[in-house]
Amino acid sequence: MNNGTLLREGNTLYVKTDERKKAIPIQDIHDLYVMGEVTLNSKVINFLAQNGKVVHFFNYYGFYSSSLYPRETLVSGHVKVRQAEHYLNRRKRLKLAQLFVDGAATNIRRTLLYYQSRGRDLGNAIESIEKESASIYESGAVDQLMGIEGRIRSTYYSCWNDILKEAPSFDKRKKRPPDNEVNALISFGNSLMYTATLSEIYYTQLDPTISFLHEPGTRRFSLSLDISEIFKPLVIDRMIFKLWNNGEIDTSDFTKKEGICLLSDKGRMTMLQDYDERMKTTMKHRKSGKHLTYRQLIRAECYRLIKHIIGDENYEPFKAWW
């Protein structure tokens, strides 16, 4: 978060600021998030790339701007060809897109059920989402499916005023730029989820630019958007609800100027600390019986997708059971 310089001395990275110089062993780094004004040279970039460390950069306003994505070492021509084939085949692409939306809708519903069990009046919204979800596999095109996904998410966001205690009114999702505190939290949180998913994709044979729900485009890793949809309700949205309702983040953690609302450095730090702990939390996977962190669950999602596209096993999205 602080401005400074990233240095390499031998086989160790150092973060140097005006106050201190801190060593970061390369083996302790999973991926790197650069949020302040940081200077680094080609020596550092080469060292990070040689060790397969993905670096994500955020701009002054806390918006995700780019990633240093090292040369891929886990390349597989077979997987890439089959991944492209699944995108080009209308039926296969639609099936995968439907599964992503199904996973996201199920996890949205589970999140609402959790808060309904804690006294929120969310019955009508849950019923509406269940009706929309029933039509996911009846959709005949990705565009039509995106419409269903949009209505589910709109209904979901309409519940946030009931879930968040004494929060500023949240009428609709607005991201470019966020116009109030809730939209600012969602924008920053979704950036974290997107980049974490991109890091896990890097450790597999998947091509991050070939996606199925979101349209592939230039200068974006759209597969990360597909997979992130499944985990956002469980990781980011629940984190926002917890931080706000417990008073760990409030209106003093934001700055507003010319209709743009942004998290302050303190607000971003609070969110990052909780996010880091949350991503390390383990749970016993219902199917495998193994204790996995959210990062490992995302990586496992990538592996299941690979098995599907090479024809080993049908893909099933991760669905919360709690």
Foldseek 3Di string as FASTA:
>chain_A
DDEAEWDDDPQWIWTDDPVDIHIDHLVNALEEEAEYHYHYDPVVLVSCLVVQHKYWYADPQLATDAISGHDFDQADPLLAVLLVVLQVDFVSLLVLLLQLLLLLLQLLLVLVVVVVVVPFDLVVLSVVSVVLNVCSVVDDGLVVNVVSSVVNVQSSQVCVVRLFPPAPDDNDADVVPDQGDVNQLLRNLLSVQLVLLVSLLSVHNDQQQRDRNDDRDPPDRCNSVSLSSNCCSPQRVVLVSVCRNVVVDDPVQWDDDPRGIGGHPSRVVSSVVSSVVQQQAWDQDPVPRDTHGVSVLSSVLSVLVSCCSSVNDNHHRDHDPD
